[in-house]
Structure formats: structure tokens, C-alpha cells
Protein backbone atom coordinates (compact mmCIF):
# COMPACT_ATOMS: atom_id res chain seq x y z
CA MET A 1 0.00 0.00 0.00
CA ALA A 2 2.89 2.31 0.57
CA GLY A 3 3.93 1.94 -3.08
CA GLU A 4 0.50 3.00 -4.41
CA THR A 5 -0.02 6.47 -5.74
CA LYS A 6 -2.46 8.89 -4.21
CA GLU A 7 -4.33 9.59 -7.47
CA PRO A 8 -7.08 7.00 -6.87
CA GLN A 9 -7.69 8.47 -3.42
CA ALA A 10 -7.84 11.97 -4.87
CA ALA A 11 -10.34 10.82 -7.49
CA ALA A 12 -12.44 9.17 -4.79
CA GLN A 13 -12.51 12.40 -2.85
CA GLY A 14 -13.97 14.27 -5.85
CA ASP A 15 -10.75 15.66 -7.34
CA VAL A 16 -10.21 14.88 -11.00
CA ALA A 17 -6.81 13.49 -11.86
CA THR A 18 -5.66 14.28 -15.38
CA THR A 19 -3.09 12.35 -17.36
CA THR A 20 -2.93 14.52 -20.46
CA LYS A 21 0.31 15.86 -21.77
CA PRO A 22 0.95 19.55 -21.27
CA LYS A 23 0.21 21.64 -24.34
CA PRO A 24 3.22 23.20 -26.06
CA LYS A 25 3.54 26.89 -25.54
CA PRO A 26 2.51 28.90 -28.59
CA LYS A 27 5.20 30.95 -30.29
CA PRO A 28 4.90 34.67 -29.83
CA ALA A 29 3.42 36.46 -32.82
CA ALA A 30 6.42 38.78 -33.05
CA ALA A 31 8.85 35.86 -33.44
CA ALA A 32 6.75 34.29 -36.22
CA ALA A 33 6.53 37.61 -38.02
CA ASP A 34 10.30 38.11 -37.87
CA ALA A 35 11.04 34.72 -39.44
CA PRO A 36 11.64 34.84 -43.20
CA PRO A 37 9.03 33.02 -45.29
CA ALA A 38 11.53 30.44 -46.58
CA ALA A 39 12.56 29.46 -43.06
CA ALA A 40 8.93 29.18 -42.01
CA GLY A 41 8.28 26.88 -44.96
CA MET A 42 11.19 24.66 -44.04
CA ALA A 43 9.99 24.40 -40.47
CA GLU A 44 6.58 23.21 -41.64
CA ALA A 45 7.79 20.67 -44.20
CA GLU A 46 10.78 18.47 -43.61
CA VAL A 47 13.76 19.15 -45.87
CA GLU A 48 14.24 16.40 -48.43
CA GLU A 49 17.42 14.41 -47.91
CA LEU A 50 19.39 12.28 -50.30
CA PRO A 51 19.65 8.57 -49.44
CA LYS A 52 22.46 8.33 -46.91
CA THR A 53 23.72 4.93 -48.05
CA ILE A 54 24.11 6.07 -51.64
CA VAL A 55 25.90 9.27 -50.62
CA ARG A 56 28.18 7.30 -48.29
CA ARG A 57 29.03 4.79 -51.03
CA LEU A 58 29.75 7.49 -53.63
CA VAL A 59 31.90 9.55 -51.27
CA LYS A 60 33.89 6.56 -50.04
CA ASP A 61 34.42 5.21 -53.57
CA LYS A 62 35.61 8.55 -54.90
CA LEU A 63 37.88 9.22 -51.91
CA ALA A 64 39.31 5.70 -52.19
CA GLN A 65 40.11 6.36 -55.87
CA ILE A 66 41.89 9.57 -54.97
CA ALA A 67 43.70 7.97 -52.01
CA GLY A 68 45.39 5.39 -54.18
CA GLY A 69 43.12 2.67 -55.41
CA GLU A 70 39.87 0.82 -55.02
CA GLY A 71 41.13 -1.23 -52.07
CA ALA A 72 42.04 1.77 -49.92
CA GLU A 73 39.95 2.08 -46.78
CA VAL A 74 38.65 5.59 -46.19
CA ILE A 75 36.98 6.67 -42.97
CA VAL A 76 34.68 9.66 -43.21
CA ASN A 77 33.43 11.54 -40.17
CA LYS A 78 29.65 11.61 -39.63
CA ASP A 79 29.58 15.41 -39.83
CA ALA A 80 31.63 15.39 -43.03
CA MET A 81 29.20 12.88 -44.55
CA ALA A 82 26.29 15.15 -43.61
CA ALA A 83 28.10 18.08 -45.23
CA PHE A 84 28.64 16.06 -48.44
CA SER A 85 24.98 15.08 -48.48
CA GLU A 86 23.71 18.60 -47.88
CA SER A 87 26.01 20.15 -50.47
CA ALA A 88 24.91 17.56 -53.05
CA ARG A 89 21.25 18.26 -52.25
CA ILE A 90 21.76 22.00 -52.67
CA PHE A 91 23.65 21.47 -55.94
CA ILE A 92 20.83 19.28 -57.30
CA HIS A 93 18.21 21.86 -56.36
CA TYR A 94 20.23 24.68 -57.91
CA LEU A 95 20.83 22.70 -61.10
CA SER A 96 17.19 21.67 -61.40
CA ALA A 97 15.98 25.24 -60.83
CA THR A 98 18.35 26.52 -63.51
CA ALA A 99 17.28 23.75 -65.91
CA ASN A 100 13.66 24.62 -65.16
CA ASP A 101 14.39 28.24 -66.10
CA MET A 102 15.93 27.02 -69.39
CA CYS A 103 12.82 24.98 -70.03
CA LYS A 104 10.50 27.91 -69.33
CA ASP A 105 12.55 30.16 -71.62
CA ALA A 106 11.90 27.62 -74.38
CA LYS A 107 8.18 27.71 -73.46
CA ARG A 108 8.06 24.05 -72.46
CA GLN A 109 6.90 22.34 -69.30
CA THR A 110 9.14 19.28 -69.31
CA ILE A 111 12.85 19.47 -68.53
CA ASN A 112 14.95 17.43 -70.96
CA ALA A 113 18.62 16.45 -71.02
CA GLU A 114 19.64 19.44 -73.15
CA ASP A 115 18.14 21.78 -70.53
CA VAL A 116 20.35 20.14 -67.90
CA PHE A 117 23.43 20.44 -70.11
CA LYS A 118 22.73 24.13 -70.73
CA ALA A 119 22.11 24.65 -67.01
CA LEU A 120 25.50 23.11 -66.20
CA ASP A 121 27.13 25.59 -68.57
CA GLU A 122 25.09 28.43 -67.06
CA ILE A 123 26.12 27.65 -63.47
CA GLU A 124 29.73 27.34 -64.59
CA PHE A 125 30.20 23.57 -64.42
CA PRO A 126 30.96 22.85 -68.09
CA GLU A 127 33.41 20.09 -67.11
CA PHE A 128 30.41 17.96 -66.07
CA VAL A 129 28.69 18.12 -69.46
CA GLU A 130 30.79 15.60 -71.40
CA PRO A 131 30.90 12.91 -68.67
CA LEU A 132 27.17 13.36 -68.22
CA ARG A 133 26.54 13.05 -71.99
CA THR A 134 28.60 9.86 -72.06
CA SER A 135 26.74 8.44 -69.09
CA LEU A 136 23.38 9.35 -70.64
CA GLU A 137 24.28 7.62 -73.91
CA GLU A 138 25.34 4.48 -72.04
CA PHE A 139 22.06 4.58 -70.11
CA ARG A 140 20.03 4.99 -73.30
CA THR A 141 21.79 2.14 -75.11
CA LYS A 142 21.38 -0.17 -72.13
CA ASN A 143 17.68 0.65 -71.90
CA ALA A 144 17.23 0.33 -75.67
CA ALA A 145 18.62 -3.21 -75.47
CA ARG A 146 16.27 -3.95 -72.59
CA LYS A 147 13.23 -2.38 -74.25
CA PRO A 148 12.61 -5.08 -76.92
CA ALA A 149 12.83 -7.80 -74.26
CA ALA A 150 10.35 -5.92 -72.09
CA SER A 151 7.98 -5.33 -75.00
CA LYS A 152 8.16 -9.06 -75.88
CA LYS A 153 7.21 -9.93 -72.30
CA GLN A 154 4.32 -7.47 -72.40
CA ALA A 155 3.13 -8.86 -75.74
CA GLU A 156 3.30 -12.39 -74.33
CA LYS A 157 1.27 -11.35 -71.25
CA LYS A 158 -1.30 -9.62 -73.46
CA ARG A 159 -1.57 -12.70 -75.68
CA LYS A 160 -2.11 -14.96 -72.66
CA LEU A 161 -4.73 -12.60 -71.25
CA ASP A 162 -6.49 -12.52 -74.62
CA GLN A 163 -6.45 -16.33 -74.80
CA GLU A 164 -7.87 -16.60 -71.28
CA ALA A 165 -10.52 -13.99 -72.04
CA ALA A 166 -11.60 -15.66 -75.31
CA PRO A 167 -12.81 -18.95 -73.70
CA GLN A 168 -14.68 -16.95 -71.06
CA GLU A 169 -16.41 -14.93 -73.78
CA GLU A 170 -17.37 -18.15 -75.59
CA GLN A 171 -18.79 -19.57 -72.36
CA ASN A 172 -20.70 -16.35 -71.73
CA SER A 173 -21.98 -16.19 -75.30
CA ALA A 174 -23.25 -19.83 -75.29
CA PRO A 175 -26.09 -19.13 -72.82
CA ASP A 176 -26.87 -15.96 -74.74
CA ASP A 177 -27.19 -18.02 -77.93
CA ALA A 178 -29.53 -20.41 -76.17
CA ALA A 179 -31.60 -17.51 -74.87
CA ASN A 180 -31.70 -15.98 -78.34
CA ALA A 181 -32.86 -19.32 -79.78
CA ASP A 182 -35.63 -19.54 -77.15
CA GLU A 183 -36.70 -16.00 -78.05
CA ALA A 184 -36.72 -16.86 -81.77
CA ILE A 185 -38.95 -19.88 -81.10
CA ALA A 186 -41.27 -17.77 -78.98
CA ASP A 187 -41.45 -15.15 -81.75
CA GLU A 188 -42.45 -17.85 -84.30
CA ASP A 189 -45.41 -18.93 -82.12
């Protein structure tokens, strides 16, 4: 009994015991008004982050190359990894905004590869254009080789679905034919 709390006794005596969490204090109106609109937007919606494992792998691979080979073990501080990730995120946003501007100047709504290449020149990273073009061509050729195989699979699936649907239609049409024959006999009488 000594280990029991006094809340049940207080409730029995007519006092109401509450277990709700305290409400957070509202921010003063002056502080909200002083905050810039961009910062307020970031506070409301979480900032998008790049996948940490991919960033870690890219950073470690590139640093290992620079350090003297693929087998070199590179240790990167957690804060340094966060800085790499954040700088890459900002670069991607800047590049995409510039490419979007290029697209709008051309009175289009869809960003294409040429818009990205022009944006890289515009933001003074022309050294990225040629490696990116090469990578894009490799990607396109790999996907072009995969495309016929994928279209064959889709055609095969469609053919199978059509074959499965055809017997069902025949089964469904057989009772209809019988009903039509019964109606024709009734019409003759």
C-alpha cells in the first residue's frame, strides 16, 4: 500500500486526476513575423534528404580512388558525410531550378537532357557536361537493349490474357445463344 499512488484516493474524494500531456507553448506572434518566409516553410515541411547509403558509397568510392586505389579504406566523419549530403542536395536543387528556367525560356513544361546540359554551362560547371553526356548515352543504349525484351514480355502477357478472355467470352456467349434461340422460337409462335 505504501507503493501505491495517491491519485485514486484523490479521485475518490472528488478531485479529478488528469493524465494529459501539457500543451506546447505557442510561439509569440512577433517571433513568427520576424522569421523569413523560406525558413517558415522549411519548419513546416521536412527538408528532403538524399539517401544516406548512396551518398556514403559514392563519397567513399571517390575518396578511395583519390587515395590510391579501389582497395584503400577511407573513414569519413559523420559530420563530413552530412556536409557532403547537404552540399549535393543543394547542388541538385540549384541545377534543377536553372534547368527549369531554361525549359520555361523555351516555353516548355518538361525538362529534358539538353536543358540540364545548358544549365551546367550556365552555373559554370561545363566540365560535367561531357561525362554526363557519355553516361546518358550508355544509359540509353542499355535501356534500348532492354526495351525489346520488355515489349516481348508485355506482348506475351497480353496474348495470354487474350487467350484466357476468349474462352470466357465463348462460355458467356453460349447461354446468350440459347436464350436468343428460345426467343426466336417464342417469336415464331
